[in-house]
Amino acid sequence: MAVSPQIPDESLTLTEKHALSFDVLSDLGSDIAQQYGLAFDLPDDLAAVYGKLGFDLQRVNAGHPRTLPLPATYVIDRDGAIRWAFVNADYTTRAESADILAALDSLGADLPRRRSSARA
């Protein structure tokens, strides 16, 4: 799943526009981002740039135009423990797919193996 500070309509539009096969949830007010230590407030000069570029953060972020999250990727186990994380202040740098898949694979190694119920 993905989590965005945008209103649900914007998250749905994003999902449809890019034909995403996973849910995009809305974190209005960036409350979850704050809990993970990812939320930051845009300085005045950068907020002005966003405005000049046509980004209506006031509308799409439900009245929280200055608060944005750092992009982050987490692998969380069934008990809610973060088992792998990637965060970078440079929004153009994202987690590598191979690293995410390796982290997911490591969860499988930690799961108890099912015993075969077949008897000879």
PDB file of N, CA and C in Angstrom:
ATOM      1  N   MET A   1       0.838  -1.170   0.000  1.00  0.00           N
ATOM      2  CA  MET A   1       0.000   0.000   0.000  1.00  0.00           C
ATOM      3  C   MET A   1       0.882   1.232   0.000  1.00  0.00           C
ATOM      4  N   ALA A   2       0.301   2.335  -0.384  1.00  0.00           N
ATOM      5  CA  ALA A   2       0.988   3.625  -0.325  1.00  0.00           C
ATOM      6  C   ALA A   2       0.158   4.540   0.559  1.00  0.00           C
ATOM      7  N   VAL A   3       0.809   5.505   1.165  1.00  0.00           N
ATOM      8  CA  VAL A   3       0.130   6.475   2.018  1.00  0.00           C
ATOM      9  C   VAL A   3       0.505   7.868   1.521  1.00  0.00           C
ATOM     10  N   SER A   4      -0.503   8.718   1.351  1.00  0.00           N
ATOM     11  CA  SER A   4      -0.309  10.058   0.795  1.00  0.00           C
ATOM     12  C   SER A   4      -1.003  11.076   1.695  1.00  0.00           C
ATOM     13  N   PRO A   5      -0.477  12.315   1.755  1.00  0.00           N
ATOM     14  CA  PRO A   5      -1.168  13.339   2.530  1.00  0.00           C
ATOM     15  C   PRO A   5      -2.371  13.928   1.791  1.00  0.00           C
ATOM     16  N   GLN A   6      -2.621  13.457   0.591  1.00  0.00           N
ATOM     17  CA  GLN A   6      -3.688  14.014  -0.230  1.00  0.00           C
ATOM     18  C   GLN A   6      -5.058  13.500   0.190  1.00  0.00           C
ATOM     19  N   ILE A   7      -6.079  14.279  -0.152  1.00  0.00           N
ATOM     20  CA  ILE A   7      -7.452  13.885   0.131  1.00  0.00           C
ATOM     21  C   ILE A   7      -7.780  12.605  -0.647  1.00  0.00           C
ATOM     22  N   PRO A   8      -8.765  11.822  -0.174  1.00  0.00           N
ATOM     23  CA  PRO A   8      -9.087  10.547  -0.845  1.00  0.00           C
ATOM     24  C   PRO A   8      -9.359  10.676  -2.340  1.00  0.00           C
ATOM     25  N   ASP A   9     -10.031  11.738  -2.779  1.00  0.00           N
ATOM     26  CA  ASP A   9     -10.296  11.901  -4.218  1.00  0.00           C
ATOM     27  C   ASP A   9      -9.006  12.000  -5.015  1.00  0.00           C
ATOM     28  N   GLU A  10      -8.013  12.691  -4.481  1.00  0.00           N
ATOM     29  CA  GLU A  10      -6.725  12.820  -5.168  1.00  0.00           C
ATOM     30  C   GLU A  10      -5.983  11.482  -5.178  1.00  0.00           C
ATOM     31  N   SER A  11      -6.068  10.741  -4.066  1.00  0.00           N
ATOM     32  CA  SER A  11      -5.431   9.427  -4.015  1.00  0.00           C
ATOM     33  C   SER A  11      -6.066   8.484  -5.026  1.00  0.00           C
ATOM     34  N   LEU A  12      -7.390   8.547  -5.154  1.00  0.00           N
ATOM     35  CA  LEU A  12      -8.094   7.714  -6.126  1.00  0.00           C
ATOM     36  C   LEU A  12      -7.694   8.105  -7.550  1.00  0.00           C
ATOM     37  N   THR A  13      -7.605   9.398  -7.814  1.00  0.00           N
ATOM     38  CA  THR A  13      -7.194   9.865  -9.135  1.00  0.00           C
ATOM     39  C   THR A  13      -5.796   9.351  -9.471  1.00  0.00           C
ATOM     40  N   LEU A  14      -4.898   9.416  -8.498  1.00  0.00           N
ATOM     41  CA  LEU A  14      -3.532   8.919  -8.686  1.00  0.00           C
ATOM     42  C   LEU A  14      -3.548   7.422  -8.997  1.00  0.00           C
ATOM     43  N   THR A  15      -4.346   6.676  -8.262  1.00  0.00           N
ATOM     44  CA  THR A  15      -4.459   5.231  -8.464  1.00  0.00           C
ATOM     45  C   THR A  15      -4.956   4.918  -9.874  1.00  0.00           C
ATOM     46  N   GLU A  16      -5.995   5.624 -10.293  1.00  0.00           N
ATOM     47  CA  GLU A  16      -6.569   5.389 -11.621  1.00  0.00           C
ATOM     48  C   GLU A  16      -5.625   5.847 -12.729  1.00  0.00           C
ATOM     49  N   LYS A  17      -5.016   7.024 -12.565  1.00  0.00           N
ATOM     50  CA  LYS A  17      -4.135   7.587 -13.596  1.00  0.00           C
ATOM     51  C   LYS A  17      -2.966   6.659 -13.904  1.00  0.00           C
ATOM     52  N   HIS A  18      -2.413   6.044 -12.861  1.00  0.00           N
ATOM     53  CA  HIS A  18      -1.241   5.193 -13.040  1.00  0.00           C
ATOM     54  C   HIS A  18      -1.579   3.701 -13.006  1.00  0.00           C
ATOM     55  N   ALA A  19      -2.881   3.368 -13.010  1.00  0.00           N
ATOM     56  CA  ALA A  19      -3.350   1.981 -12.989  1.00  0.00           C
ATOM     57  C   ALA A  19      -2.634   1.172 -11.905  1.00  0.00           C
ATOM     58  N   LEU A  20      -2.592   1.728 -10.706  1.00  0.00           N
ATOM     59  CA  LEU A  20      -1.905   1.061  -9.598  1.00  0.00           C
ATOM     60  C   LEU A  20      -2.681  -0.169  -9.150  1.00  0.00           C
ATOM     61  N   SER A  21      -1.952  -1.198  -8.795  1.00  0.00           N
ATOM     62  CA  SER A  21      -2.589  -2.445  -8.360  1.00  0.00           C
ATOM     63  C   SER A  21      -2.582  -2.572  -6.839  1.00  0.00           C
ATOM     64  N   PHE A  22      -2.343  -1.454  -6.155  1.00  0.00           N
ATOM     65  CA  PHE A  22      -2.351  -1.454  -4.692  1.00  0.00           C
ATOM     66  C   PHE A  22      -3.120  -0.226  -4.216  1.00  0.00           C
ATOM     67  N   ASP A  23      -3.513  -0.250  -2.955  1.00  0.00           N
ATOM     68  CA  ASP A  23      -4.279   0.845  -2.381  1.00  0.00           C
ATOM     69  C   ASP A  23      -3.381   2.047  -2.095  1.00  0.00           C
ATOM     70  N   VAL A  24      -3.937   3.246  -2.302  1.00  0.00           N
ATOM     71  CA  VAL A  24      -3.288   4.487  -1.889  1.00  0.00           C
ATOM     72  C   VAL A  24      -4.196   5.093  -0.822  1.00  0.00           C
ATOM     73  N   LEU A  25      -3.711   5.089   0.404  1.00  0.00           N
ATOM     74  CA  LEU A  25      -4.482   5.585   1.538  1.00  0.00           C
ATOM     75  C   LEU A  25      -4.159   7.048   1.796  1.00  0.00           C
ATOM     76  N   SER A  26      -5.099   7.761   2.398  1.00  0.00           N
ATOM     77  CA  SER A  26      -4.918   9.182   2.689  1.00  0.00           C
ATOM     78  C   SER A  26      -4.547   9.387   4.150  1.00  0.00           C
ATOM     79  N   ASP A  27      -3.506  10.177   4.372  1.00  0.00           N
ATOM     80  CA  ASP A  27      -3.038  10.560   5.700  1.00  0.00           C
ATOM     81  C   ASP A  27      -3.266  12.061   5.859  1.00  0.00           C
ATOM     82  N   LEU A  28      -4.538  12.425   6.048  1.00  0.00           N
ATOM     83  CA  LEU A  28      -4.877  13.844   6.133  1.00  0.00           C
ATOM     84  C   LEU A  28      -4.186  14.484   7.329  1.00  0.00           C
ATOM     85  N   GLY A  29      -3.541  15.600   7.073  1.00  0.00           N
ATOM     86  CA  GLY A  29      -2.803  16.290   8.120  1.00  0.00           C
ATOM     87  C   GLY A  29      -1.439  15.684   8.394  1.00  0.00           C
ATOM     88  N   SER A  30      -1.089  14.645   7.658  1.00  0.00           N
ATOM     89  CA  SER A  30       0.208  13.960   7.796  1.00  0.00           C
ATOM     90  C   SER A  30       0.450  13.416   9.209  1.00  0.00           C
ATOM     91  N   ASP A  31      -0.619  12.995   9.875  1.00  0.00           N
ATOM     92  CA  ASP A  31      -0.488  12.460  11.238  1.00  0.00           C
ATOM     93  C   ASP A  31       0.403  11.221  11.287  1.00  0.00           C
ATOM     94  N   ILE A  32       0.212  10.295  10.350  1.00  0.00           N
ATOM     95  CA  ILE A  32       1.023   9.072  10.324  1.00  0.00           C
ATOM     96  C   ILE A  32       2.468   9.430   9.988  1.00  0.00           C
ATOM     97  N   ALA A  33       2.648  10.318   9.011  1.00  0.00           N
ATOM     98  CA  ALA A  33       4.007  10.751   8.649  1.00  0.00           C
ATOM     99  C   ALA A  33       4.711  11.354   9.863  1.00  0.00           C
ATOM    100  N   GLN A  34       3.981  12.109  10.672  1.00  0.00           N
ATOM    101  CA  GLN A  34       4.577  12.690  11.877  1.00  0.00           C
ATOM    102  C   GLN A  34       4.979  11.603  12.866  1.00  0.00           C
ATOM    103  N   GLN A  35       4.133  10.583  13.016  1.00  0.00           N
ATOM    104  CA  GLN A  35       4.455   9.490  13.936  1.00  0.00           C
ATOM    105  C   GLN A  35       5.715   8.743  13.508  1.00  0.00           C
ATOM    106  N   TYR A  36       5.958   8.665  12.218  1.00  0.00           N
ATOM    107  CA  TYR A  36       7.152   7.995  11.695  1.00  0.00           C
ATOM    108  C   TYR A  36       8.345   8.958  11.573  1.00  0.00           C
ATOM    109  N   GLY A  37       8.153  10.212  11.951  1.00  0.00           N
ATOM    110  CA  GLY A  37       9.232  11.194  11.874  1.00  0.00           C
ATOM    111  C   GLY A  37       9.536  11.643  10.464  1.00  0.00           C
ATOM    112  N   LEU A  38       8.548  11.579   9.579  1.00  0.00           N
ATOM    113  CA  LEU A  38       8.761  11.883   8.168  1.00  0.00           C
ATOM    114  C   LEU A  38       8.191  13.229   7.737  1.00  0.00           C
ATOM    115  N   ALA A  39       7.344  13.853   8.556  1.00  0.00           N
ATOM    116  CA  ALA A  39       6.669  15.087   8.153  1.00  0.00           C
ATOM    117  C   ALA A  39       7.592  16.295   8.311  1.00  0.00           C
ATOM    118  N   PHE A  40       7.487  17.210   7.365  1.00  0.00           N
ATOM    119  CA  PHE A  40       8.224  18.468   7.453  1.00  0.00           C
ATOM    120  C   PHE A  40       7.351  19.569   6.866  1.00  0.00           C
ATOM    121  N   ASP A  41       7.616  20.795   7.272  1.00  0.00           N
ATOM    122  CA  ASP A  41       6.881  21.940   6.754  1.00  0.00           C
ATOM    123  C   ASP A  41       7.722  22.661   5.714  1.00  0.00           C
ATOM    124  N   LEU A  42       7.094  22.968   4.586  1.00  0.00           N
ATOM    125  CA  LEU A  42       7.775  23.698   3.523  1.00  0.00           C
ATOM    126  C   LEU A  42       8.104  25.113   3.989  1.00  0.00           C
ATOM    127  N   PRO A  43       9.316  25.592   3.716  1.00  0.00           N
ATOM    128  CA  PRO A  43       9.625  26.997   4.002  1.00  0.00           C
ATOM    129  C   PRO A  43       8.866  27.891   3.019  1.00  0.00           C
ATOM    130  N   ASP A  44       8.698  29.161   3.379  1.00  0.00           N
ATOM    131  CA  ASP A  44       7.922  30.101   2.563  1.00  0.00           C
ATOM    132  C   ASP A  44       8.365  30.148   1.107  1.00  0.00           C
ATOM    133  N   ASP A  45       9.686  30.200   0.871  1.00  0.00           N
ATOM    134  CA  ASP A  45      10.164  30.339  -0.508  1.00  0.00           C
ATOM    135  C   ASP A  45       9.839  29.100  -1.342  1.00  0.00           C
ATOM    136  N   LEU A  46       9.938  27.922  -0.749  1.00  0.00           N
ATOM    137  CA  LEU A  46       9.624  26.694  -1.487  1.00  0.00           C
ATOM    138  C   LEU A  46       8.118  26.549  -1.692  1.00  0.00           C
ATOM    139  N   ALA A  47       7.333  26.960  -0.714  1.00  0.00           N
ATOM    140  CA  ALA A  47       5.872  26.931  -0.871  1.00  0.00           C
ATOM    141  C   ALA A  47       5.452  27.845  -2.021  1.00  0.00           C
ATOM    142  N   ALA A  48       6.131  28.985  -2.168  1.00  0.00           N
ATOM    143  CA  ALA A  48       5.831  29.902  -3.273  1.00  0.00           C
ATOM    144  C   ALA A  48       6.141  29.246  -4.615  1.00  0.00           C
ATOM    145  N   VAL A  49       7.227  28.481  -4.681  1.00  0.00           N
ATOM    146  CA  VAL A  49       7.583  27.771  -5.918  1.00  0.00           C
ATOM    147  C   VAL A  49       6.504  26.750  -6.259  1.00  0.00           C
ATOM    148  N   TYR A  50       6.062  25.980  -5.274  1.00  0.00           N
ATOM    149  CA  TYR A  50       4.990  25.011  -5.512  1.00  0.00           C
ATOM    150  C   TYR A  50       3.760  25.720  -6.064  1.00  0.00           C
ATOM    151  N   GLY A  51       3.419  26.871  -5.472  1.00  0.00           N
ATOM    152  CA  GLY A  51       2.258  27.631  -5.940  1.00  0.00           C
ATOM    153  C   GLY A  51       2.415  28.104  -7.372  1.00  0.00           C
ATOM    154  N   LYS A  52       3.596  28.606  -7.715  1.00  0.00           N
ATOM    155  CA  LYS A  52       3.844  29.081  -9.082  1.00  0.00           C
ATOM    156  C   LYS A  52       3.789  27.937 -10.092  1.00  0.00           C
ATOM    157  N   LEU A  53       4.134  26.725  -9.652  1.00  0.00           N
ATOM    158  CA  LEU A  53       4.095  25.570 -10.548  1.00  0.00           C
ATOM    159  C   LEU A  53       2.694  24.969 -10.671  1.00  0.00           C
ATOM    160  N   GLY A  54       1.735  25.548  -9.932  1.00  0.00           N
ATOM    161  CA  GLY A  54       0.352  25.105 -10.050  1.00  0.00           C
ATOM    162  C   GLY A  54      -0.064  24.005  -9.089  1.00  0.00           C
ATOM    163  N   PHE A  55       0.755  23.719  -8.103  1.00  0.00           N
ATOM    164  CA  PHE A  55       0.382  22.714  -7.107  1.00  0.00           C
ATOM    165  C   PHE A  55      -0.494  23.368  -6.041  1.00  0.00           C
ATOM    166  N   ASP A  56      -1.756  22.990  -5.991  1.00  0.00           N
ATOM    167  CA  ASP A  56      -2.687  23.552  -5.017  1.00  0.00           C
ATOM    168  C   ASP A  56      -2.673  22.679  -3.764  1.00  0.00           C
ATOM    169  N   LEU A  57      -1.587  22.799  -2.999  1.00  0.00           N
ATOM    170  CA  LEU A  57      -1.436  21.957  -1.812  1.00  0.00           C
ATOM    171  C   LEU A  57      -2.507  22.233  -0.768  1.00  0.00           C
ATOM    172  N   GLN A  58      -3.018  23.453  -0.728  1.00  0.00           N
ATOM    173  CA  GLN A  58      -4.104  23.784   0.208  1.00  0.00           C
ATOM    174  C   GLN A  58      -5.305  22.876  -0.052  1.00  0.00           C
ATOM    175  N   ARG A  59      -5.658  22.684  -1.315  1.00  0.00           N
ATOM    176  CA  ARG A  59      -6.823  21.869  -1.672  1.00  0.00           C
ATOM    177  C   ARG A  59      -6.520  20.383  -1.558  1.00  0.00           C
ATOM    178  N   VAL A  60      -5.456  19.912  -2.199  1.00  0.00           N
ATOM    179  CA  VAL A  60      -5.222  18.466  -2.263  1.00  0.00           C
ATOM    180  C   VAL A  60      -4.766  17.875  -0.929  1.00  0.00           C
ATOM    181  N   ASN A  61      -4.221  18.715  -0.046  1.00  0.00           N
ATOM    182  CA  ASN A  61      -3.790  18.219   1.265  1.00  0.00           C
ATOM    183  C   ASN A  61      -4.738  18.657   2.376  1.00  0.00           C
ATOM    184  N   ALA A  62      -5.976  18.924   2.009  1.00  0.00           N
ATOM    185  CA  ALA A  62      -7.060  19.185   2.964  1.00  0.00           C
ATOM    186  C   ALA A  62      -6.715  20.266   3.983  1.00  0.00           C
ATOM    187  N   GLY A  63      -6.223  21.405   3.495  1.00  0.00           N
ATOM    188  CA  GLY A  63      -5.959  22.518   4.386  1.00  0.00           C
ATOM    189  C   GLY A  63      -4.623  22.462   5.105  1.00  0.00           C
ATOM    190  N   HIS A  64      -3.760  21.541   4.723  1.00  0.00           N
ATOM    191  CA  HIS A  64      -2.418  21.435   5.305  1.00  0.00           C
ATOM    192  C   HIS A  64      -1.384  21.645   4.197  1.00  0.00           C
ATOM    193  N   PRO A  65      -1.314  22.859   3.651  1.00  0.00           N
ATOM    194  CA  PRO A  65      -0.501  23.075   2.457  1.00  0.00           C
ATOM    195  C   PRO A  65       1.002  23.037   2.687  1.00  0.00           C
ATOM    196  N   ARG A  66       1.421  23.189   3.891  1.00  0.00           N
ATOM    197  CA  ARG A  66       2.856  23.272   4.144  1.00  0.00           C
ATOM    198  C   ARG A  66       3.467  21.978   4.656  1.00  0.00           C
ATOM    199  N   THR A  67       2.650  21.055   5.113  1.00  0.00           N
ATOM    200  CA  THR A  67       3.179  19.820   5.695  1.00  0.00           C
ATOM    201  C   THR A  67       3.220  18.726   4.640  1.00  0.00           C
ATOM    202  N   LEU A  68       4.417  18.197   4.394  1.00  0.00           N
ATOM    203  CA  LEU A  68       4.618  17.116   3.431  1.00  0.00           C
ATOM    204  C   LEU A  68       5.440  16.016   4.093  1.00  0.00           C
ATOM    205  N   PRO A  69       5.331  14.785   3.578  1.00  0.00           N
ATOM    206  CA  PRO A  69       6.162  13.701   4.112  1.00  0.00           C
ATOM    207  C   PRO A  69       7.408  13.484   3.254  1.00  0.00           C
ATOM    208  N   LEU A  70       8.465  13.032   3.894  1.00  0.00           N
ATOM    209  CA  LEU A  70       9.601  12.512   3.137  1.00  0.00           C
ATOM    210  C   LEU A  70       9.159  11.187   2.536  1.00  0.00           C
ATOM    211  N   PRO A  71       9.582  10.866   1.319  1.00  0.00           N
ATOM    212  CA  PRO A  71       9.248   9.550   0.780  1.00  0.00           C
ATOM    213  C   PRO A  71       9.984   8.470   1.571  1.00  0.00           C
ATOM    214  N   ALA A  72       9.287   7.411   1.869  1.00  0.00           N
ATOM    215  CA  ALA A  72       9.874   6.321   2.656  1.00  0.00           C
ATOM    216  C   ALA A  72       9.247   5.004   2.231  1.00  0.00           C
ATOM    217  N   THR A  73       9.985   3.937   2.431  1.00  0.00           N
ATOM    218  CA  THR A  73       9.486   2.586   2.159  1.00  0.00           C
ATOM    219  C   THR A  73       9.772   1.748   3.392  1.00  0.00           C
ATOM    220  N   TYR A  74       8.753   1.025   3.835  1.00  0.00           N
ATOM    221  CA  TYR A  74       8.900   0.159   5.001  1.00  0.00           C
ATOM    222  C   TYR A  74       8.413  -1.241   4.671  1.00  0.00           C
ATOM    223  N   VAL A  75       9.077  -2.224   5.244  1.00  0.00           N
ATOM    224  CA  VAL A  75       8.575  -3.592   5.257  1.00  0.00           C
ATOM    225  C   VAL A  75       8.236  -3.863   6.716  1.00  0.00           C
ATOM    226  N   ILE A  76       6.959  -4.142   6.951  1.00  0.00           N
ATOM    227  CA  ILE A  76       6.450  -4.315   8.307  1.00  0.00           C
ATOM    228  C   ILE A  76       5.923  -5.739   8.436  1.00  0.00           C
ATOM    229  N   ASP A  77       6.336  -6.423   9.503  1.00  0.00           N
ATOM    230  CA  ASP A  77       5.895  -7.814   9.666  1.00  0.00           C
ATOM    231  C   ASP A  77       4.473  -7.871  10.224  1.00  0.00           C
ATOM    232  N   ARG A  78       3.950  -9.072  10.356  1.00  0.00           N
ATOM    233  CA  ARG A  78       2.562  -9.268  10.799  1.00  0.00           C
ATOM    234  C   ARG A  78       2.319  -8.773  12.225  1.00  0.00           C
ATOM    235  N   ASP A  79       3.377  -8.634  13.010  1.00  0.00           N
ATOM    236  CA  ASP A  79       3.247  -8.135  14.378  1.00  0.00           C
ATOM    237  C   ASP A  79       3.359  -6.617  14.446  1.00  0.00           C
ATOM    238  N   GLY A  80       3.564  -5.967  13.293  1.00  0.00           N
ATOM    239  CA  GLY A  80       3.659  -4.521  13.245  1.00  0.00           C
ATOM    240  C   GLY A  80       5.061  -3.981  13.459  1.00  0.00           C
ATOM    241  N   ALA A  81       6.065  -4.851  13.508  1.00  0.00           N
ATOM    242  CA  ALA A  81       7.445  -4.407  13.685  1.00  0.00           C
ATOM    243  C   ALA A  81       8.052  -4.034  12.330  1.00  0.00           C
ATOM    244  N   ILE A  82       8.735  -2.906  12.287  1.00  0.00           N
ATOM    245  CA  ILE A  82       9.429  -2.499  11.068  1.00  0.00           C
ATOM    246  C   ILE A  82      10.662  -3.385  10.932  1.00  0.00           C
ATOM    247  N   ARG A  83      10.714  -4.126   9.837  1.00  0.00           N
ATOM    248  CA  ARG A  83      11.824  -5.052   9.609  1.00  0.00           C
ATOM    249  C   ARG A  83      12.854  -4.504   8.629  1.00  0.00           C
ATOM    250  N   TRP A  84      12.434  -3.515   7.843  1.00  0.00           N
ATOM    251  CA  TRP A  84      13.347  -2.896   6.874  1.00  0.00           C
ATOM    252  C   TRP A  84      12.792  -1.512   6.557  1.00  0.00           C
ATOM    253  N   ALA A  85      13.685  -0.540   6.385  1.00  0.00           N
ATOM    254  CA  ALA A  85      13.233   0.819   6.083  1.00  0.00           C
ATOM    255  C   ALA A  85      14.199   1.506   5.128  1.00  0.00           C
ATOM    256  N   PHE A  86      13.648   2.363   4.317  1.00  0.00           N
ATOM    257  CA  PHE A  86      14.447   3.213   3.432  1.00  0.00           C
ATOM    258  C   PHE A  86      13.830   4.604   3.454  1.00  0.00           C
ATOM    259  N   VAL A  87      14.616   5.599   3.827  1.00  0.00           N
ATOM    260  CA  VAL A  87      14.184   6.997   3.844  1.00  0.00           C
ATOM    261  C   VAL A  87      15.339   7.825   3.296  1.00  0.00           C
ATOM    262  N   ASN A  88      15.001   8.761   2.424  1.00  0.00           N
ATOM    263  CA  ASN A  88      16.030   9.645   1.886  1.00  0.00           C
ATOM    264  C   ASN A  88      15.410  11.026   1.707  1.00  0.00           C
ATOM    265  N   ALA A  89      16.088  12.057   2.188  1.00  0.00           N
ATOM    266  CA  ALA A  89      15.572  13.420   2.077  1.00  0.00           C
ATOM    267  C   ALA A  89      15.461  13.871   0.618  1.00  0.00           C
ATOM    268  N   ASP A  90      16.214  13.252  -0.272  1.00  0.00           N
ATOM    269  CA  ASP A  90      16.131  13.549  -1.700  1.00  0.00           C
ATOM    270  C   ASP A  90      14.965  12.744  -2.280  1.00  0.00           C
ATOM    271  N   TYR A  91      13.868  13.436  -2.564  1.00  0.00           N
ATOM    272  CA  TYR A  91      12.665  12.738  -3.020  1.00  0.00           C
ATOM    273  C   TYR A  91      12.857  11.988  -4.339  1.00  0.00           C
ATOM    274  N   THR A  92      13.921  12.266  -5.064  1.00  0.00           N
ATOM    275  CA  THR A  92      14.156  11.557  -6.328  1.00  0.00           C
ATOM    276  C   THR A  92      14.867  10.224  -6.116  1.00  0.00           C
ATOM    277  N   THR A  93      15.349   9.988  -4.909  1.00  0.00           N
ATOM    278  CA  THR A  93      16.032   8.732  -4.598  1.00  0.00           C
ATOM    279  C   THR A  93      15.054   7.825  -3.864  1.00  0.00           C
ATOM    280  N   ARG A  94      14.759   6.698  -4.458  1.00  0.00           N
ATOM    281  CA  ARG A  94      13.773   5.772  -3.891  1.00  0.00           C
ATOM    282  C   ARG A  94      14.426   4.416  -3.636  1.00  0.00           C
ATOM    283  N   ALA A  95      13.758   3.614  -2.847  1.00  0.00           N
ATOM    284  CA  ALA A  95      14.249   2.268  -2.544  1.00  0.00           C
ATOM    285  C   ALA A  95      14.313   1.449  -3.829  1.00  0.00           C
ATOM    286  N   GLU A  96      15.319   0.602  -3.912  1.00  0.00           N
ATOM    287  CA  GLU A  96      15.460  -0.286  -5.067  1.00  0.00           C
ATOM    288  C   GLU A  96      14.518  -1.477  -4.906  1.00  0.00           C
ATOM    289  N   SER A  97      13.892  -1.864  -5.996  1.00  0.00           N
ATOM    290  CA  SER A  97      12.955  -2.999  -5.970  1.00  0.00           C
ATOM    291  C   SER A  97      13.612  -4.264  -5.424  1.00  0.00           C
ATOM    292  N   ALA A  98      14.848  -4.510  -5.836  1.00  0.00           N
ATOM    293  CA  ALA A  98      15.554  -5.722  -5.391  1.00  0.00           C
ATOM    294  C   ALA A  98      15.735  -5.725  -3.875  1.00  0.00           C
ATOM    295  N   ASP A  99      16.003  -4.552  -3.293  1.00  0.00           N
ATOM    296  CA  ASP A  99      16.168  -4.460  -1.845  1.00  0.00           C
ATOM    297  C   ASP A  99      14.851  -4.709  -1.120  1.00  0.00           C
ATOM    298  N   ILE A 100      13.770  -4.181  -1.664  1.00  0.00           N
ATOM    299  CA  ILE A 100      12.451  -4.400  -1.065  1.00  0.00           C
ATOM    300  C   ILE A 100      12.092  -5.881  -1.126  1.00  0.00           C
ATOM    301  N   LEU A 101      12.299  -6.494  -2.285  1.00  0.00           N
ATOM    302  CA  LEU A 101      11.987  -7.917  -2.434  1.00  0.00           C
ATOM    303  C   LEU A 101      12.836  -8.776  -1.498  1.00  0.00           C
ATOM    304  N   ALA A 102      14.106  -8.428  -1.331  1.00  0.00           N
ATOM    305  CA  ALA A 102      14.966  -9.178  -0.407  1.00  0.00           C
ATOM    306  C   ALA A 102      14.448  -9.049   1.021  1.00  0.00           C
ATOM    307  N   ALA A 103      13.991  -7.858   1.388  1.00  0.00           N
ATOM    308  CA  ALA A 103      13.436  -7.658   2.734  1.00  0.00           C
ATOM    309  C   ALA A 103      12.163  -8.471   2.923  1.00  0.00           C
ATOM    310  N   LEU A 104      11.330  -8.519   1.896  1.00  0.00           N
ATOM    311  CA  LEU A 104      10.112  -9.333   1.962  1.00  0.00           C
ATOM    312  C   LEU A 104      10.454 -10.818   2.044  1.00  0.00           C
ATOM    313  N   ASP A 105      11.444 -11.237   1.263  1.00  0.00           N
ATOM    314  CA  ASP A 105      11.882 -12.634   1.311  1.00  0.00           C
ATOM    315  C   ASP A 105      12.380 -13.004   2.699  1.00  0.00           C
ATOM    316  N   SER A 106      13.057 -12.070   3.369  1.00  0.00           N
ATOM    317  CA  SER A 106      13.580 -12.367   4.699  1.00  0.00           C
ATOM    318  C   SER A 106      12.447 -12.589   5.694  1.00  0.00           C
ATOM    319  N   LEU A 107      11.306 -11.976   5.464  1.00  0.00           N
ATOM    320  CA  LEU A 107      10.147 -12.225   6.330  1.00  0.00           C
ATOM    321  C   LEU A 107       9.686 -13.661   6.192  1.00  0.00           C
ATOM    322  N   GLY A 108       9.722 -14.168   4.978  1.00  0.00           N
ATOM    323  CA  GLY A 108       9.326 -15.557   4.745  1.00  0.00           C
ATOM    324  C   GLY A 108      10.222 -16.520   5.483  1.00  0.00           C
ATOM    325  N   ALA A 109      11.507 -16.202   5.599  1.00  0.00           N
ATOM    326  CA  ALA A 109      12.452 -17.061   6.315  1.00  0.00           C
ATOM    327  C   ALA A 109      12.149 -17.069   7.806  1.00  0.00           C
ATOM    328  N   ASP A 110      11.521 -15.989   8.295  1.00  0.00           N
ATOM    329  CA  ASP A 110      11.215 -15.889   9.718  1.00  0.00           C
ATOM    330  C   ASP A 110       9.865 -16.494  10.086  1.00  0.00           C
ATOM    331  N   LEU A 111       9.071 -16.844   9.082  1.00  0.00           N
ATOM    332  CA  LEU A 111       7.760 -17.423   9.362  1.00  0.00           C
ATOM    333  C   LEU A 111       7.892 -18.910   9.656  1.00  0.00           C
ATOM    334  N   PRO A 112       7.089 -19.421  10.574  1.00  0.00           N
ATOM    335  CA  PRO A 112       7.148 -20.864  10.840  1.00  0.00           C
ATOM    336  C   PRO A 112       6.709 -21.632   9.601  1.00  0.00           C
ATOM    337  N   ARG A 113       7.388 -22.670   9.316  1.00  0.00           N
ATOM    338  CA  ARG A 113       7.050 -23.507   8.154  1.00  0.00           C
ATOM    339  C   ARG A 113       5.839 -24.365   8.503  1.00  0.00           C
ATOM    340  N   ARG A 114       4.947 -24.489   7.563  1.00  0.00           N
ATOM    341  CA  ARG A 114       3.777 -25.358   7.759  1.00  0.00           C
ATOM    342  C   ARG A 114       4.216 -26.796   7.588  1.00  0.00           C
ATOM    343  N   ARG A 115       3.728 -27.598   8.458  1.00  0.00           N
ATOM    344  CA  ARG A 115       4.027 -29.025   8.337  1.00  0.00           C
ATOM    345  C   ARG A 115       3.046 -29.660   7.374  1.00  0.00           C
ATOM    346  N   SER A 116       3.546 -30.557   6.608  1.00  0.00           N
ATOM    347  CA  SER A 116       2.699 -31.255   5.662  1.00  0.00           C
ATOM    348  C   SER A 116       1.741 -32.156   6.429  1.00  0.00           C
ATOM    349  N   SER A 117       0.468 -32.101   6.033  1.00  0.00           N
ATOM    350  CA  SER A 117      -0.505 -32.961   6.714  1.00  0.00           C
ATOM    351  C   SER A 117      -0.702 -34.265   5.941  1.00  0.00           C
ATOM    352  N   ALA A 118      -0.006 -34.403   4.821  1.00  0.00           N
ATOM    353  CA  ALA A 118      -0.131 -35.634   4.038  1.00  0.00           C
ATOM    354  C   ALA A 118       0.577 -36.785   4.754  1.00  0.00           C
ATOM    355  N   ARG A 119      -0.067 -37.906   4.757  1.00  0.00           N
ATOM    356  CA  ARG A 119       0.527 -39.088   5.387  1.00  0.00           C
ATOM    357  C   ARG A 119       0.675 -40.186   4.331  1.00  0.00           C
ATOM    358  N   ALA A 120       1.730 -40.936   4.453  1.00  0.00           N
ATOM    359  CA  ALA A 120       1.974 -42.003   3.492  1.00  0.00           C
ATOM    360  C   ALA A 120       1.188 -43.236   3.838  1.00  0.00           C
TER     361      ALA A 120
END
